[in-house]
């Protein structure tokens, strides 16, 4: 997952993450990574329409947003 986050930044590759908030709720977020630290991802969040910080320990899964679009198209 860290490799995907690192690779997505210079390419401006939109990602989908499954994120667990501090209260335990799990949300799906579409993001574009702006920068990374050892403990967090700083990204633009399309759900909140603003830059947000996501703790790496709370990211449950991450995948390119293009996979979602490709799989959701009718055959």
PDB file of N, CA and C in Angstrom:
ATOM      1  N   UNK A   1       0.824  -1.192   0.000  1.00  0.00           N
ATOM      2  CA  UNK A   1       0.000   0.000   0.000  1.00  0.00           C
ATOM      3  C   UNK A   1       0.870   1.258   0.000  1.00  0.00           C
ATOM      4  N   UNK A   2       1.967   1.257   0.781  1.00  0.00           N
ATOM      5  CA  UNK A   2       2.841   2.427   0.809  1.00  0.00           C
ATOM      6  C   UNK A   2       3.428   2.717  -0.564  1.00  0.00           C
ATOM      7  N   UNK A   3       3.758   1.666  -1.315  1.00  0.00           N
ATOM      8  CA  UNK A   3       4.304   1.864  -2.661  1.00  0.00           C
ATOM      9  C   UNK A   3       3.277   2.544  -3.558  1.00  0.00           C
ATOM     10  N   UNK A   4       2.031   2.156  -3.445  1.00  0.00           N
ATOM     11  CA  UNK A   4       0.970   2.776  -4.241  1.00  0.00           C
ATOM     12  C   UNK A   4       0.812   4.245  -3.868  1.00  0.00           C
ATOM     13  N   UNK A   5       0.843   4.553  -2.593  1.00  0.00           N
ATOM     14  CA  UNK A   5       0.727   5.942  -2.149  1.00  0.00           C
ATOM     15  C   UNK A   5       1.898   6.772  -2.659  1.00  0.00           C
ATOM     16  N   UNK A   6       3.110   6.214  -2.581  1.00  0.00           N
ATOM     17  CA  UNK A   6       4.296   6.921  -3.075  1.00  0.00           C
ATOM     18  C   UNK A   6       4.230   7.149  -4.578  1.00  0.00           C
ATOM     19  N   UNK A   7       3.804   6.133  -5.316  1.00  0.00           N
ATOM     20  CA  UNK A   7       3.747   6.227  -6.773  1.00  0.00           C
ATOM     21  C   UNK A   7       2.654   7.187  -7.238  1.00  0.00           C
ATOM     22  N   UNK A   8       1.577   7.270  -6.500  1.00  0.00           N
ATOM     23  CA  UNK A   8       0.449   8.089  -6.938  1.00  0.00           C
ATOM     24  C   UNK A   8       0.728   9.586  -6.845  1.00  0.00           C
ATOM     25  N   UNK A   9       1.610   9.982  -5.941  1.00  0.00           N
ATOM     26  CA  UNK A   9       1.864  11.411  -5.739  1.00  0.00           C
ATOM     27  C   UNK A   9       2.421  12.110  -6.977  1.00  0.00           C
ATOM     28  N   UNK A  10       3.552  11.694  -7.535  1.00  0.00           N
ATOM     29  CA  UNK A  10       4.082  12.427  -8.695  1.00  0.00           C
ATOM     30  C   UNK A  10       3.201  12.298  -9.938  1.00  0.00           C
ATOM     31  N   UNK A  11       2.420  11.229 -10.020  1.00  0.00           N
ATOM     32  CA  UNK A  11       1.557  11.010 -11.184  1.00  0.00           C
ATOM     33  C   UNK A  11       0.178  11.649 -11.028  1.00  0.00           C
ATOM     34  N   UNK A  12      -0.109  12.233  -9.851  1.00  0.00           N
ATOM     35  CA  UNK A  12      -1.448  12.760  -9.553  1.00  0.00           C
ATOM     36  C   UNK A  12      -2.523  11.716  -9.809  1.00  0.00           C
ATOM     37  N   UNK A  13      -2.232  10.479  -9.460  1.00  0.00           N
ATOM     38  CA  UNK A  13      -3.141   9.362  -9.675  1.00  0.00           C
ATOM     39  C   UNK A  13      -4.218   9.366  -8.592  1.00  0.00           C
ATOM     40  N   UNK A  14      -5.490   9.493  -8.978  1.00  0.00           N
ATOM     41  CA  UNK A  14      -6.554   9.437  -7.967  1.00  0.00           C
ATOM     42  C   UNK A  14      -6.628   8.042  -7.350  1.00  0.00           C
ATOM     43  N   UNK A  15      -6.806   8.016  -6.046  1.00  0.00           N
ATOM     44  CA  UNK A  15      -6.909   6.756  -5.315  1.00  0.00           C
ATOM     45  C   UNK A  15      -8.240   6.683  -4.581  1.00  0.00           C
ATOM     46  N   UNK A  16      -8.643   5.478  -4.305  1.00  0.00           N
ATOM     47  CA  UNK A  16      -9.767   5.229  -3.405  1.00  0.00           C
ATOM     48  C   UNK A  16      -9.171   4.587  -2.165  1.00  0.00           C
ATOM     49  N   UNK A  17      -9.523   5.120  -1.006  1.00  0.00           N
ATOM     50  CA  UNK A  17      -9.069   4.504   0.238  1.00  0.00           C
ATOM     51  C   UNK A  17     -10.281   4.153   1.092  1.00  0.00           C
ATOM     52  N   UNK A  18     -10.128   3.102   1.851  1.00  0.00           N
ATOM     53  CA  UNK A  18     -11.088   2.764   2.898  1.00  0.00           C
ATOM     54  C   UNK A  18     -10.432   3.247   4.181  1.00  0.00           C
ATOM     55  N   UNK A  19     -11.113   4.153   4.885  1.00  0.00           N
ATOM     56  CA  UNK A  19     -10.504   4.830   6.024  1.00  0.00           C
ATOM     57  C   UNK A  19     -11.356   4.654   7.269  1.00  0.00           C
ATOM     58  N   UNK A  20     -10.702   4.324   8.372  1.00  0.00           N
ATOM     59  CA  UNK A  20     -11.402   4.186   9.647  1.00  0.00           C
ATOM     60  C   UNK A  20     -11.141   5.420  10.496  1.00  0.00           C
ATOM     61  N   UNK A  21     -12.203   6.153  10.813  1.00  0.00           N
ATOM     62  CA  UNK A  21     -12.087   7.360  11.631  1.00  0.00           C
ATOM     63  C   UNK A  21     -11.842   6.982  13.088  1.00  0.00           C
ATOM     64  N   UNK A  22     -11.507   7.972  13.891  1.00  0.00           N
ATOM     65  CA  UNK A  22     -11.225   7.736  15.310  1.00  0.00           C
ATOM     66  C   UNK A  22     -12.421   7.129  16.041  1.00  0.00           C
ATOM     67  N   UNK A  23     -13.640   7.452  15.596  1.00  0.00           N
ATOM     68  CA  UNK A  23     -14.836   6.907  16.257  1.00  0.00           C
ATOM     69  C   UNK A  23     -15.201   5.509  15.759  1.00  0.00           C
ATOM     70  N   UNK A  24     -14.408   4.967  14.835  1.00  0.00           N
ATOM     71  CA  UNK A  24     -14.628   3.611  14.354  1.00  0.00           C
ATOM     72  C   UNK A  24     -15.407   3.499  13.056  1.00  0.00           C
ATOM     73  N   UNK A  25     -15.989   4.594  12.591  1.00  0.00           N
ATOM     74  CA  UNK A  25     -16.735   4.535  11.335  1.00  0.00           C
ATOM     75  C   UNK A  25     -15.769   4.360  10.168  1.00  0.00           C
ATOM     76  N   UNK A  26     -16.200   3.606   9.179  1.00  0.00           N
ATOM     77  CA  UNK A  26     -15.379   3.345   7.999  1.00  0.00           C
ATOM     78  C   UNK A  26     -16.015   4.043   6.806  1.00  0.00           C
ATOM     79  N   UNK A  27     -15.207   4.820   6.089  1.00  0.00           N
ATOM     80  CA  UNK A  27     -15.699   5.528   4.912  1.00  0.00           C
ATOM     81  C   UNK A  27     -14.794   5.246   3.724  1.00  0.00           C
ATOM     82  N   UNK A  28     -15.374   5.377   2.543  1.00  0.00           N
ATOM     83  CA  UNK A  28     -14.604   5.285   1.301  1.00  0.00           C
ATOM     84  C   UNK A  28     -14.332   6.705   0.845  1.00  0.00           C
ATOM     85  N   UNK A  29     -13.070   7.010   0.591  1.00  0.00           N
ATOM     86  CA  UNK A  29     -12.684   8.360   0.174  1.00  0.00           C
ATOM     87  C   UNK A  29     -11.934   8.302  -1.147  1.00  0.00           C
ATOM     88  N   UNK A  30     -12.255   9.212  -2.034  1.00  0.00           N
ATOM     89  CA  UNK A  30     -11.496   9.413  -3.266  1.00  0.00           C
ATOM     90  C   UNK A  30     -10.522  10.544  -2.982  1.00  0.00           C
ATOM     91  N   UNK A  31      -9.233  10.279  -3.180  1.00  0.00           N
ATOM     92  CA  UNK A  31      -8.211  11.261  -2.827  1.00  0.00           C
ATOM     93  C   UNK A  31      -7.166  11.394  -3.932  1.00  0.00           C
ATOM     94  N   UNK A  32      -6.425  12.501  -3.862  1.00  0.00           N
ATOM     95  CA  UNK A  32      -5.209  12.692  -4.648  1.00  0.00           C
ATOM     96  C   UNK A  32      -4.124  13.074  -3.647  1.00  0.00           C
ATOM     97  N   UNK A  33      -3.085  12.263  -3.581  1.00  0.00           N
ATOM     98  CA  UNK A  33      -2.013  12.451  -2.598  1.00  0.00           C
ATOM     99  C   UNK A  33      -1.204  13.697  -2.942  1.00  0.00           C
ATOM    100  N   UNK A  34      -1.012  14.544  -1.935  1.00  0.00           N
ATOM    101  CA  UNK A  34      -0.187  15.747  -2.084  1.00  0.00           C
ATOM    102  C   UNK A  34       1.196  15.540  -1.477  1.00  0.00           C
ATOM    103  N   UNK A  35       1.251  14.893  -0.309  1.00  0.00           N
ATOM    104  CA  UNK A  35       2.538  14.584   0.323  1.00  0.00           C
ATOM    105  C   UNK A  35       2.342  13.459   1.334  1.00  0.00           C
ATOM    106  N   UNK A  36       3.471  12.888   1.733  1.00  0.00           N
ATOM    107  CA  UNK A  36       3.474  11.774   2.685  1.00  0.00           C
ATOM    108  C   UNK A  36       4.462  12.059   3.799  1.00  0.00           C
ATOM    109  N   UNK A  37       4.136  11.590   4.986  1.00  0.00           N
ATOM    110  CA  UNK A  37       5.096  11.589   6.089  1.00  0.00           C
ATOM    111  C   UNK A  37       5.184  10.157   6.597  1.00  0.00           C
ATOM    112  N   UNK A  38       5.945   9.947   7.633  1.00  0.00           N
ATOM    113  CA  UNK A  38       6.091   8.580   8.148  1.00  0.00           C
ATOM    114  C   UNK A  38       4.804   8.059   8.785  1.00  0.00           C
ATOM    115  N   UNK A  39       3.889   8.967   9.139  1.00  0.00           N
ATOM    116  CA  UNK A  39       2.669   8.525   9.821  1.00  0.00           C
ATOM    117  C   UNK A  39       1.364   8.960   9.156  1.00  0.00           C
ATOM    118  N   UNK A  40       1.453   9.802   8.114  1.00  0.00           N
ATOM    119  CA  UNK A  40       0.219  10.338   7.535  1.00  0.00           C
ATOM    120  C   UNK A  40       0.348  10.604   6.039  1.00  0.00           C
ATOM    121  N   UNK A  41      -0.813  10.647   5.404  1.00  0.00           N
ATOM    122  CA  UNK A  41      -0.931  11.037   4.001  1.00  0.00           C
ATOM    123  C   UNK A  41      -1.671  12.369   3.983  1.00  0.00           C
ATOM    124  N   UNK A  42      -1.123  13.328   3.285  1.00  0.00           N
ATOM    125  CA  UNK A  42      -1.790  14.612   3.100  1.00  0.00           C
ATOM    126  C   UNK A  42      -2.327  14.607   1.682  1.00  0.00           C
ATOM    127  N   UNK A  43      -3.653  14.765   1.558  1.00  0.00           N
ATOM    128  CA  UNK A  43      -4.278  14.570   0.256  1.00  0.00           C
ATOM    129  C   UNK A  43      -5.497  15.464   0.099  1.00  0.00           C
ATOM    130  N   UNK A  44      -5.848  15.709  -1.172  1.00  0.00           N
ATOM    131  CA  UNK A  44      -7.114  16.370  -1.447  1.00  0.00           C
ATOM    132  C   UNK A  44      -8.195  15.301  -1.391  1.00  0.00           C
ATOM    133  N   UNK A  45      -9.236  15.547  -0.614  1.00  0.00           N
ATOM    134  CA  UNK A  45     -10.345  14.605  -0.451  1.00  0.00           C
ATOM    135  C   UNK A  45     -11.545  15.131  -1.235  1.00  0.00           C
ATOM    136  N   UNK A  46     -12.013  14.357  -2.200  1.00  0.00           N
ATOM    137  CA  UNK A  46     -13.148  14.782  -3.017  1.00  0.00           C
ATOM    138  C   UNK A  46     -14.457  14.748  -2.229  1.00  0.00           C
ATOM    139  N   UNK A  47     -14.532  13.939  -1.190  1.00  0.00           N
ATOM    140  CA  UNK A  47     -15.733  13.866  -0.352  1.00  0.00           C
ATOM    141  C   UNK A  47     -15.898  15.155   0.456  1.00  0.00           C
ATOM    142  N   UNK A  48     -14.824  15.590   1.097  1.00  0.00           N
ATOM    143  CA  UNK A  48     -14.858  16.816   1.912  1.00  0.00           C
ATOM    144  C   UNK A  48     -14.564  18.083   1.101  1.00  0.00           C
ATOM    145  N   UNK A  49     -14.059  17.893  -0.110  1.00  0.00           N
ATOM    146  CA  UNK A  49     -13.705  19.007  -1.003  1.00  0.00           C
ATOM    147  C   UNK A  49     -12.684  19.950  -0.362  1.00  0.00           C
ATOM    148  N   UNK A  50     -11.683  19.338   0.279  1.00  0.00           N
ATOM    149  CA  UNK A  50     -10.594  20.107   0.878  1.00  0.00           C
ATOM    150  C   UNK A  50      -9.411  19.182   1.157  1.00  0.00           C
ATOM    151  N   UNK A  51      -8.265  19.797   1.423  1.00  0.00           N
ATOM    152  CA  UNK A  51      -7.085  19.015   1.786  1.00  0.00           C
ATOM    153  C   UNK A  51      -7.287  18.439   3.183  1.00  0.00           C
ATOM    154  N   UNK A  52      -6.905  17.164   3.335  1.00  0.00           N
ATOM    155  CA  UNK A  52      -7.095  16.459   4.597  1.00  0.00           C
ATOM    156  C   UNK A  52      -5.847  15.652   4.941  1.00  0.00           C
ATOM    157  N   UNK A  53      -5.728  15.307   6.216  1.00  0.00           N
ATOM    158  CA  UNK A  53      -4.654  14.430   6.688  1.00  0.00           C
ATOM    159  C   UNK A  53      -5.277  13.091   7.053  1.00  0.00           C
ATOM    160  N   UNK A  54      -4.710  12.020   6.502  1.00  0.00           N
ATOM    161  CA  UNK A  54      -5.176  10.666   6.789  1.00  0.00           C
ATOM    162  C   UNK A  54      -4.041   9.899   7.454  1.00  0.00           C
ATOM    163  N   UNK A  55      -4.273   9.390   8.646  1.00  0.00           N
ATOM    164  CA  UNK A  55      -3.252   8.607   9.337  1.00  0.00           C
ATOM    165  C   UNK A  55      -3.058   7.279   8.621  1.00  0.00           C
ATOM    166  N   UNK A  56      -1.808   6.923   8.366  1.00  0.00           N
ATOM    167  CA  UNK A  56      -1.522   5.658   7.682  1.00  0.00           C
ATOM    168  C   UNK A  56      -2.082   4.467   8.452  1.00  0.00           C
ATOM    169  N   UNK A  57      -2.045   4.545   9.766  1.00  0.00           N
ATOM    170  CA  UNK A  57      -2.537   3.427  10.579  1.00  0.00           C
ATOM    171  C   UNK A  57      -4.045   3.229  10.452  1.00  0.00           C
ATOM    172  N   UNK A  58      -4.762   4.234   9.951  1.00  0.00           N
ATOM    173  CA  UNK A  58      -6.217   4.137   9.806  1.00  0.00           C
ATOM    174  C   UNK A  58      -6.659   3.849   8.375  1.00  0.00           C
ATOM    175  N   UNK A  59      -5.722   3.766   7.438  1.00  0.00           N
ATOM    176  CA  UNK A  59      -6.067   3.413   6.062  1.00  0.00           C
ATOM    177  C   UNK A  59      -6.117   1.894   5.981  1.00  0.00           C
ATOM    178  N   UNK A  60      -7.297   1.370   5.708  1.00  0.00           N
ATOM    179  CA  UNK A  60      -7.504  -0.075   5.683  1.00  0.00           C
ATOM    180  C   UNK A  60      -7.163  -0.677   4.330  1.00  0.00           C
ATOM    181  N   UNK A  61      -7.375   0.086   3.255  1.00  0.00           N
ATOM    182  CA  UNK A  61      -7.104  -0.391   1.893  1.00  0.00           C
ATOM    183  C   UNK A  61      -6.950   0.816   0.987  1.00  0.00           C
ATOM    184  N   UNK A  62      -6.219   0.624  -0.108  1.00  0.00           N
ATOM    185  CA  UNK A  62      -6.053   1.677  -1.111  1.00  0.00           C
ATOM    186  C   UNK A  62      -5.899   1.031  -2.473  1.00  0.00           C
ATOM    187  N   UNK A  63      -6.526   1.635  -3.469  1.00  0.00           N
ATOM    188  CA  UNK A  63      -6.392   1.145  -4.841  1.00  0.00           C
ATOM    189  C   UNK A  63      -6.640   2.302  -5.795  1.00  0.00           C
ATOM    190  N   UNK A  64      -6.121   2.214  -7.028  1.00  0.00           N
ATOM    191  CA  UNK A  64      -6.318   3.289  -8.003  1.00  0.00           C
ATOM    192  C   UNK A  64      -7.801   3.468  -8.324  1.00  0.00           C
ATOM    193  N   UNK A  65      -8.235   4.701  -8.430  1.00  0.00           N
ATOM    194  CA  UNK A  65      -9.641   4.987  -8.739  1.00  0.00           C
ATOM    195  C   UNK A  65     -10.017   4.474 -10.119  1.00  0.00           C
ATOM    196  N   UNK A  66      -9.062   4.358 -11.024  1.00  0.00           N
ATOM    197  CA  UNK A  66      -9.362   3.885 -12.378  1.00  0.00           C
ATOM    198  C   UNK A  66      -9.840   2.439 -12.370  1.00  0.00           C
ATOM    199  N   UNK A  67      -9.429   1.641 -11.394  1.00  0.00           N
ATOM    200  CA  UNK A  67      -9.903   0.259 -11.290  1.00  0.00           C
ATOM    201  C   UNK A  67     -11.401   0.256 -11.022  1.00  0.00           C
ATOM    202  N   UNK A  68     -11.846   1.153 -10.163  1.00  0.00           N
ATOM    203  CA  UNK A  68     -13.266   1.245  -9.842  1.00  0.00           C
ATOM    204  C   UNK A  68     -14.068   1.609 -11.084  1.00  0.00           C
ATOM    205  N   UNK A  69     -13.615   2.588 -11.842  1.00  0.00           N
ATOM    206  CA  UNK A  69     -14.336   3.007 -13.051  1.00  0.00           C
ATOM    207  C   UNK A  69     -14.377   1.886 -14.067  1.00  0.00           C
ATOM    208  N   UNK A  70     -13.271   1.220 -14.264  1.00  0.00           N
ATOM    209  CA  UNK A  70     -13.201   0.147 -15.254  1.00  0.00           C
ATOM    210  C   UNK A  70     -14.152  -0.992 -14.899  1.00  0.00           C
ATOM    211  N   UNK A  71     -14.204  -1.345 -13.631  1.00  0.00           N
ATOM    212  CA  UNK A  71     -15.051  -2.453 -13.203  1.00  0.00           C
ATOM    213  C   UNK A  71     -16.524  -2.088 -13.161  1.00  0.00           C
ATOM    214  N   UNK A  72     -16.857  -0.814 -13.088  1.00  0.00           N
ATOM    215  CA  UNK A  72     -18.258  -0.432 -12.974  1.00  0.00           C
ATOM    216  C   UNK A  72     -18.925  -0.204 -14.325  1.00  0.00           C
ATOM    217  N   UNK A  73     -18.169  -0.258 -15.414  1.00  0.00           N
ATOM    218  CA  UNK A  73     -18.758  -0.073 -16.736  1.00  0.00           C
ATOM    219  C   UNK A  73     -19.453  -1.348 -17.178  1.00  0.00           C
ATOM    220  N   UNK A  74     -20.613  -1.211 -17.850  1.00  0.00           N
ATOM    221  CA  UNK A  74     -21.297  -2.415 -18.336  1.00  0.00           C
ATOM    222  C   UNK A  74     -20.476  -3.141 -19.390  1.00  0.00           C
ATOM    223  N   UNK A  75     -20.603  -4.440 -19.440  1.00  0.00           N
ATOM    224  CA  UNK A  75     -19.834  -5.261 -20.386  1.00  0.00           C
ATOM    225  C   UNK A  75     -20.452  -5.237 -21.760  1.00  0.00           C
TER     226      UNK A  75
END
